[in-house]
PDB file of all heavy atoms in Angstrom:
ATOM      1  N   PRO A   1       5.095  20.112  -0.719  1.00  0.00           N
ATOM      2  CA  PRO A   1       5.126  20.083  -2.155  1.00  0.00           C
ATOM      3  C   PRO A   1       5.555  18.656  -2.735  1.00  0.00           C
ATOM      4  O   PRO A   1       5.053  18.201  -3.748  1.00  0.00           O
ATOM      5  CB  PRO A   1       6.164  21.107  -2.521  1.00  0.00           C
ATOM      6  CG  PRO A   1       6.108  22.077  -1.475  1.00  0.00           C
ATOM      7  CD  PRO A   1       5.808  21.187  -0.157  1.00  0.00           C
ATOM      8  N   GLU A   2       6.421  17.957  -1.947  1.00  0.00           N
ATOM      9  CA  GLU A   2       6.787  16.586  -2.354  1.00  0.00           C
ATOM     10  C   GLU A   2       5.633  15.564  -2.228  1.00  0.00           C
ATOM     11  O   GLU A   2       5.835  14.413  -2.612  1.00  0.00           O
ATOM     12  CB  GLU A   2       7.936  16.147  -1.573  1.00  0.00           C
ATOM     13  CG  GLU A   2       7.888  16.323  -0.121  1.00  0.00           C
ATOM     14  CD  GLU A   2       8.595  17.605   0.420  1.00  0.00           C
ATOM     15  OE1 GLU A   2       8.346  18.658  -0.258  1.00  0.00           O
ATOM     16  OE2 GLU A   2       9.280  17.499   1.456  1.00  0.00           O
ATOM     17  N   ASP A   3       4.489  15.925  -1.641  1.00  0.00           N
ATOM     18  CA  ASP A   3       3.340  15.094  -1.607  1.00  0.00           C
ATOM     19  C   ASP A   3       2.588  15.127  -2.874  1.00  0.00           C
ATOM     20  O   ASP A   3       1.570  14.335  -3.091  1.00  0.00           O
ATOM     21  CB  ASP A   3       2.449  15.443  -0.378  1.00  0.00           C
ATOM     22  CG  ASP A   3       3.031  15.184   0.841  1.00  0.00           C
ATOM     23  OD1 ASP A   3       3.766  14.092   1.036  1.00  0.00           O
ATOM     24  OD2 ASP A   3       2.920  15.933   1.853  1.00  0.00           O
ATOM     25  N   THR A   4       2.928  16.025  -3.789  1.00  0.00           N
ATOM     26  CA  THR A   4       2.296  16.083  -5.056  1.00  0.00           C
ATOM     27  C   THR A   4       2.405  14.859  -5.888  1.00  0.00           C
ATOM     28  O   THR A   4       3.495  14.394  -6.062  1.00  0.00           O
ATOM     29  CB  THR A   4       2.859  17.320  -5.897  1.00  0.00           C
ATOM     30  OG1 THR A   4       2.590  18.543  -5.230  1.00  0.00           O
ATOM     31  CG2 THR A   4       2.208  17.346  -7.254  1.00  0.00           C
ATOM     32  N   ALA A   5       1.289  14.234  -6.240  1.00  0.00           N
ATOM     33  CA  ALA A   5       1.385  12.880  -6.931  1.00  0.00           C
ATOM     34  C   ALA A   5      -0.085  12.556  -7.359  1.00  0.00           C
ATOM     35  O   ALA A   5      -1.057  13.268  -6.930  1.00  0.00           O
ATOM     36  CB  ALA A   5       1.896  11.855  -5.956  1.00  0.00           C
ATOM     37  N   VAL A   6      -0.193  11.528  -8.115  1.00  0.00           N
ATOM     38  CA  VAL A   6      -1.463  10.896  -8.273  1.00  0.00           C
ATOM     39  C   VAL A   6      -1.709   9.818  -7.239  1.00  0.00           C
ATOM     40  O   VAL A   6      -0.847   8.999  -7.089  1.00  0.00           O
ATOM     41  CB  VAL A   6      -1.578  10.217  -9.703  1.00  0.00           C
ATOM     42  CG1 VAL A   6      -2.964   9.557  -9.872  1.00  0.00           C
ATOM     43  CG2 VAL A   6      -1.365  11.273 -10.816  1.00  0.00           C
ATOM     44  N   TYR A   7      -2.760   9.934  -6.548  1.00  0.00           N
ATOM     45  CA  TYR A   7      -3.082   9.005  -5.428  1.00  0.00           C
ATOM     46  C   TYR A   7      -4.091   7.977  -5.941  1.00  0.00           C
ATOM     47  O   TYR A   7      -5.096   8.260  -6.523  1.00  0.00           O
ATOM     48  CB  TYR A   7      -3.608   9.814  -4.283  1.00  0.00           C
ATOM     49  CG  TYR A   7      -2.524  10.548  -3.534  1.00  0.00           C
ATOM     50  CD1 TYR A   7      -1.934  11.652  -4.077  1.00  0.00           C
ATOM     51  CD2 TYR A   7      -2.091  10.136  -2.227  1.00  0.00           C
ATOM     52  CE1 TYR A   7      -0.937  12.377  -3.480  1.00  0.00           C
ATOM     53  CE2 TYR A   7      -1.058  10.884  -1.571  1.00  0.00           C
ATOM     54  CZ  TYR A   7      -0.579  11.928  -2.176  1.00  0.00           C
ATOM     55  OH  TYR A   7       0.494  12.630  -1.573  1.00  0.00           O
ATOM     56  N   TYR A   8      -3.775   6.678  -5.617  1.00  0.00           N
ATOM     57  CA  TYR A   8      -4.634   5.591  -5.976  1.00  0.00           C
ATOM     58  C   TYR A   8      -5.088   4.820  -4.777  1.00  0.00           C
ATOM     59  O   TYR A   8      -4.307   4.434  -3.927  1.00  0.00           O
ATOM     60  CB  TYR A   8      -3.856   4.558  -6.857  1.00  0.00           C
ATOM     61  CG  TYR A   8      -3.338   5.196  -8.200  1.00  0.00           C
ATOM     62  CD1 TYR A   8      -2.127   5.792  -8.282  1.00  0.00           C
ATOM     63  CD2 TYR A   8      -4.086   5.010  -9.376  1.00  0.00           C
ATOM     64  CE1 TYR A   8      -1.682   6.343  -9.513  1.00  0.00           C
ATOM     65  CE2 TYR A   8      -3.687   5.589 -10.544  1.00  0.00           C
ATOM     66  CZ  TYR A   8      -2.467   6.196 -10.657  1.00  0.00           C
ATOM     67  OH  TYR A   8      -2.115   6.732 -11.836  1.00  0.00           O
ATOM     68  N   CYS A   9      -6.386   4.494  -4.782  1.00  0.00           N
ATOM     69  CA  CYS A   9      -6.919   3.550  -3.757  1.00  0.00           C
ATOM     70  C   CYS A   9      -6.697   2.163  -4.330  1.00  0.00           C
ATOM     71  O   CYS A   9      -6.706   1.935  -5.533  1.00  0.00           O
ATOM     72  CB  CYS A   9      -8.444   3.808  -3.650  1.00  0.00           C
ATOM     73  SG  CYS A   9      -9.255   2.730  -2.423  1.00  0.00           S
ATOM     74  N   ALA A  10      -6.421   1.257  -3.399  1.00  0.00           N
ATOM     75  CA  ALA A  10      -6.089  -0.106  -3.811  1.00  0.00           C
ATOM     76  C   ALA A  10      -6.537  -1.145  -2.869  1.00  0.00           C
ATOM     77  O   ALA A  10      -6.735  -0.816  -1.664  1.00  0.00           O
ATOM     78  CB  ALA A  10      -4.503  -0.257  -4.032  1.00  0.00           C
ATOM     79  N   ALA A  11      -6.888  -2.404  -3.299  1.00  0.00           N
ATOM     80  CA  ALA A  11      -7.282  -3.439  -2.439  1.00  0.00           C
ATOM     81  C   ALA A  11      -6.479  -4.688  -2.743  1.00  0.00           C
ATOM     82  O   ALA A  11      -6.290  -5.078  -3.883  1.00  0.00           O
ATOM     83  CB  ALA A  11      -8.820  -3.718  -2.737  1.00  0.00           C
ATOM     84  N   GLN A  12      -6.031  -5.246  -1.677  1.00  0.00           N
ATOM     85  CA  GLN A  12      -5.264  -6.498  -1.718  1.00  0.00           C
ATOM     86  C   GLN A  12      -5.869  -7.563  -0.862  1.00  0.00           C
ATOM     87  O   GLN A  12      -6.283  -7.296   0.285  1.00  0.00           O
ATOM     88  CB  GLN A  12      -3.812  -6.276  -1.290  1.00  0.00           C
ATOM     89  CG  GLN A  12      -2.941  -7.501  -1.228  1.00  0.00           C
ATOM     90  CD  GLN A  12      -1.622  -7.268  -0.455  1.00  0.00           C
ATOM     91  OE1 GLN A  12      -1.094  -6.192  -0.532  1.00  0.00           O
ATOM     92  NE2 GLN A  12      -1.201  -8.253   0.215  1.00  0.00           N
ATOM     93  N   TRP A  13      -5.855  -8.858  -1.380  1.00  0.00           N
ATOM     94  CA  TRP A  13      -6.504  -9.888  -0.513  1.00  0.00           C
ATOM     95  C   TRP A  13      -5.765  -9.916   0.867  1.00  0.00           C
ATOM     96  O   TRP A  13      -4.527  -9.922   0.903  1.00  0.00           O
ATOM     97  CB  TRP A  13      -6.255 -11.162  -1.277  1.00  0.00           C
ATOM     98  CG  TRP A  13      -6.844 -12.415  -0.525  1.00  0.00           C
ATOM     99  CD1 TRP A  13      -6.161 -13.320   0.168  1.00  0.00           C
ATOM    100  CD2 TRP A  13      -8.244 -12.730  -0.525  1.00  0.00           C
ATOM    101  NE1 TRP A  13      -7.081 -14.249   0.695  1.00  0.00           N
ATOM    102  CE2 TRP A  13      -8.322 -13.963   0.292  1.00  0.00           C
ATOM    103  CE3 TRP A  13      -9.327 -12.143  -1.022  1.00  0.00           C
ATOM    104  CZ2 TRP A  13      -9.552 -14.579   0.466  1.00  0.00           C
ATOM    105  CZ3 TRP A  13     -10.625 -12.793  -0.786  1.00  0.00           C
ATOM    106  CH2 TRP A  13     -10.672 -13.972  -0.071  1.00  0.00           C
ATOM    107  N   ASP A  14      -6.555  -9.902   1.878  1.00  0.00           N
ATOM    108  CA  ASP A  14      -6.073  -9.849   3.267  1.00  0.00           C
ATOM    109  C   ASP A  14      -5.562 -11.187   3.677  1.00  0.00           C
ATOM    110  O   ASP A  14      -6.321 -12.151   3.861  1.00  0.00           O
ATOM    111  CB  ASP A  14      -7.166  -9.317   4.140  1.00  0.00           C
ATOM    112  CG  ASP A  14      -6.604  -8.814   5.418  1.00  0.00           C
ATOM    113  OD1 ASP A  14      -5.567  -9.355   5.930  1.00  0.00           O
ATOM    114  OD2 ASP A  14      -7.245  -7.903   6.057  1.00  0.00           O
ATOM    115  N   LEU A  15      -4.236 -11.272   3.884  1.00  0.00           N
ATOM    116  CA  LEU A  15      -3.628 -12.561   4.294  1.00  0.00           C
ATOM    117  C   LEU A  15      -3.392 -12.618   5.830  1.00  0.00           C
ATOM    118  O   LEU A  15      -2.808 -13.570   6.272  1.00  0.00           O
ATOM    119  CB  LEU A  15      -2.253 -12.658   3.612  1.00  0.00           C
ATOM    120  CG  LEU A  15      -2.321 -12.759   2.093  1.00  0.00           C
ATOM    121  CD1 LEU A  15      -0.953 -12.743   1.488  1.00  0.00           C
ATOM    122  CD2 LEU A  15      -3.090 -13.950   1.597  1.00  0.00           C
ATOM    123  N   GLY A  16      -3.932 -11.660   6.547  1.00  0.00           N
ATOM    124  CA  GLY A  16      -3.797 -11.712   8.001  1.00  0.00           C
ATOM    125  C   GLY A  16      -3.291 -10.434   8.552  1.00  0.00           C
ATOM    126  O   GLY A  16      -3.065  -9.428   7.855  1.00  0.00           O
ATOM    127  N   PRO A  17      -2.845 -10.428   9.805  1.00  0.00           N
ATOM    128  CA  PRO A  17      -2.405  -9.222  10.504  1.00  0.00           C
ATOM    129  C   PRO A  17      -1.221  -8.557   9.888  1.00  0.00           C
ATOM    130  O   PRO A  17      -0.992  -7.414  10.110  1.00  0.00           O
ATOM    131  CB  PRO A  17      -2.116  -9.761  11.931  1.00  0.00           C
ATOM    132  CG  PRO A  17      -2.952 -10.965  12.118  1.00  0.00           C
ATOM    133  CD  PRO A  17      -2.989 -11.584  10.676  1.00  0.00           C
ATOM    134  N   LYS A  18      -0.385  -9.290   9.220  1.00  0.00           N
ATOM    135  CA  LYS A  18       0.830  -8.673   8.606  1.00  0.00           C
ATOM    136  C   LYS A  18       0.659  -8.191   7.274  1.00  0.00           C
ATOM    137  O   LYS A  18       1.607  -7.684   6.604  1.00  0.00           O
ATOM    138  CB  LYS A  18       2.005  -9.623   8.686  1.00  0.00           C
ATOM    139  CG  LYS A  18       2.421 -10.040  10.167  1.00  0.00           C
ATOM    140  CD  LYS A  18       3.685 -10.954  10.125  1.00  0.00           C
ATOM    141  CE  LYS A  18       4.087 -11.176  11.525  1.00  0.00           C
ATOM    142  NZ  LYS A  18       5.326 -12.028  11.625  1.00  0.00           N
ATOM    143  N   THR A  19      -0.548  -8.242   6.639  1.00  0.00           N
ATOM    144  CA  THR A  19      -0.799  -7.845   5.273  1.00  0.00           C
ATOM    145  C   THR A  19      -0.351  -6.369   5.075  1.00  0.00           C
ATOM    146  O   THR A  19       0.362  -6.144   4.094  1.00  0.00           O
ATOM    147  CB  THR A  19      -2.205  -8.128   4.896  1.00  0.00           C
ATOM    148  OG1 THR A  19      -2.625  -9.424   5.031  1.00  0.00           O
ATOM    149  CG2 THR A  19      -2.416  -7.634   3.452  1.00  0.00           C
ATOM    150  N   CYS A  20      -0.678  -5.492   5.964  1.00  0.00           N
ATOM    151  CA  CYS A  20      -0.330  -4.157   5.791  1.00  0.00           C
ATOM    152  C   CYS A  20       1.091  -3.875   5.909  1.00  0.00           C
ATOM    153  O   CYS A  20       1.667  -2.878   5.429  1.00  0.00           O
ATOM    154  CB  CYS A  20      -1.151  -3.295   6.772  1.00  0.00           C
ATOM    155  SG  CYS A  20      -2.881  -2.998   6.220  1.00  0.00           S
ATOM    156  N   ASN A  21       1.845  -4.803   6.681  1.00  0.00           N
ATOM    157  CA  ASN A  21       3.257  -4.536   6.832  1.00  0.00           C
ATOM    158  C   ASN A  21       4.027  -4.563   5.498  1.00  0.00           C
ATOM    159  O   ASN A  21       5.035  -3.990   5.344  1.00  0.00           O
ATOM    160  CB  ASN A  21       3.860  -5.639   7.788  1.00  0.00           C
ATOM    161  CG  ASN A  21       3.365  -5.514   9.162  1.00  0.00           C
ATOM    162  OD1 ASN A  21       2.655  -4.603   9.500  1.00  0.00           O
ATOM    163  ND2 ASN A  21       3.723  -6.442  10.027  1.00  0.00           N
ATOM    164  N   TYR A  22       3.401  -5.334   4.568  1.00  0.00           N
ATOM    165  CA  TYR A  22       4.095  -5.535   3.276  1.00  0.00           C
ATOM    166  C   TYR A  22       3.558  -4.556   2.175  1.00  0.00           C
ATOM    167  O   TYR A  22       3.843  -4.732   0.988  1.00  0.00           O
ATOM    168  CB  TYR A  22       3.949  -6.888   2.779  1.00  0.00           C
ATOM    169  CG  TYR A  22       4.488  -7.924   3.726  1.00  0.00           C
ATOM    170  CD1 TYR A  22       3.770  -8.700   4.584  1.00  0.00           C
ATOM    171  CD2 TYR A  22       5.926  -8.036   3.808  1.00  0.00           C
ATOM    172  CE1 TYR A  22       4.329  -9.549   5.494  1.00  0.00           C
ATOM    173  CE2 TYR A  22       6.523  -8.985   4.712  1.00  0.00           C
ATOM    174  CZ  TYR A  22       5.710  -9.700   5.555  1.00  0.00           C
ATOM    175  OH  TYR A  22       6.259 -10.579   6.431  1.00  0.00           O
ATOM    176  N   TRP A  23       2.821  -3.538   2.636  1.00  0.00           N
ATOM    177  CA  TRP A  23       2.203  -2.632   1.734  1.00  0.00           C
ATOM    178  C   TRP A  23       3.240  -1.681   0.988  1.00  0.00           C
ATOM    179  O   TRP A  23       3.035  -1.054   0.079  1.00  0.00           O
ATOM    180  CB  TRP A  23       1.194  -1.730   2.461  1.00  0.00           C
ATOM    181  CG  TRP A  23       0.239  -1.058   1.662  1.00  0.00           C
ATOM    182  CD1 TRP A  23       0.239   0.299   1.259  1.00  0.00           C
ATOM    183  CD2 TRP A  23      -1.014  -1.568   1.127  1.00  0.00           C
ATOM    184  NE1 TRP A  23      -0.860   0.610   0.553  1.00  0.00           N
ATOM    185  CE2 TRP A  23      -1.660  -0.497   0.439  1.00  0.00           C
ATOM    186  CE3 TRP A  23      -1.593  -2.811   1.151  1.00  0.00           C
ATOM    187  CZ2 TRP A  23      -2.883  -0.671  -0.205  1.00  0.00           C
ATOM    188  CZ3 TRP A  23      -2.817  -2.980   0.508  1.00  0.00           C
ATOM    189  CH2 TRP A  23      -3.412  -1.951  -0.140  1.00  0.00           C
ATOM    190  N   TYR A  24       4.450  -1.710   1.649  1.00  0.00           N
ATOM    191  CA  TYR A  24       5.491  -0.715   1.285  1.00  0.00           C
ATOM    192  C   TYR A  24       6.697  -1.202   0.600  1.00  0.00           C
ATOM    193  O   TYR A  24       7.609  -0.472   0.291  1.00  0.00           O
ATOM    194  CB  TYR A  24       5.839   0.114   2.549  1.00  0.00           C
ATOM    195  CG  TYR A  24       4.686   0.444   3.393  1.00  0.00           C
ATOM    196  CD1 TYR A  24       4.370  -0.284   4.535  1.00  0.00           C
ATOM    197  CD2 TYR A  24       3.905   1.525   3.008  1.00  0.00           C
ATOM    198  CE1 TYR A  24       3.169  -0.028   5.246  1.00  0.00           C
ATOM    199  CE2 TYR A  24       2.683   1.832   3.700  1.00  0.00           C
ATOM    200  CZ  TYR A  24       2.315   1.086   4.795  1.00  0.00           C
ATOM    201  OH  TYR A  24       1.257   1.392   5.475  1.00  0.00           O
ATOM    202  N   ASP A  25       6.708  -2.511   0.347  1.00  0.00           N
ATOM    203  CA  ASP A  25       7.895  -3.058  -0.272  1.00  0.00           C
ATOM    204  C   ASP A  25       7.827  -2.978  -1.774  1.00  0.00           C
ATOM    205  O   ASP A  25       6.830  -2.599  -2.375  1.00  0.00           O
ATOM    206  CB  ASP A  25       8.235  -4.488   0.178  1.00  0.00           C
ATOM    207  CG  ASP A  25       7.174  -5.526  -0.268  1.00  0.00           C
ATOM    208  OD1 ASP A  25       6.473  -5.316  -1.249  1.00  0.00           O
ATOM    209  OD2 ASP A  25       7.035  -6.548   0.494  1.00  0.00           O
ATOM    210  N   SER A  26       8.968  -3.394  -2.465  1.00  0.00           N
ATOM    211  CA  SER A  26       8.982  -3.249  -3.913  1.00  0.00           C
ATOM    212  C   SER A  26       8.041  -4.197  -4.660  1.00  0.00           C
ATOM    213  O   SER A  26       7.837  -3.936  -5.910  1.00  0.00           O
ATOM    214  CB  SER A  26      10.495  -3.516  -4.400  1.00  0.00           C
ATOM    215  OG  SER A  26      10.834  -4.844  -4.017  1.00  0.00           O
ATOM    216  N   LEU A  27       7.444  -5.136  -4.041  1.00  0.00           N
ATOM    217  CA  LEU A  27       6.581  -6.095  -4.660  1.00  0.00           C
ATOM    218  C   LEU A  27       5.111  -5.712  -4.420  1.00  0.00           C
ATOM    219  O   LEU A  27       4.231  -6.484  -4.950  1.00  0.00           O
ATOM    220  CB  LEU A  27       6.852  -7.544  -4.200  1.00  0.00           C
ATOM    221  CG  LEU A  27       8.254  -7.998  -4.497  1.00  0.00           C
ATOM    222  CD1 LEU A  27       8.392  -9.350  -3.931  1.00  0.00           C
ATOM    223  CD2 LEU A  27       8.611  -8.001  -5.990  1.00  0.00           C
TER     224      LEU A  27
END
C-alpha cells in the first residue's frame, strides 16, 4: 500500500557511470 503514488518517468543528462548513483539524493 505504501507504494501508492504518482509515478513519473524522467531523463537526466548522463554524466557517466555514477549518474544513477545520484538519482536518490535531495537534489
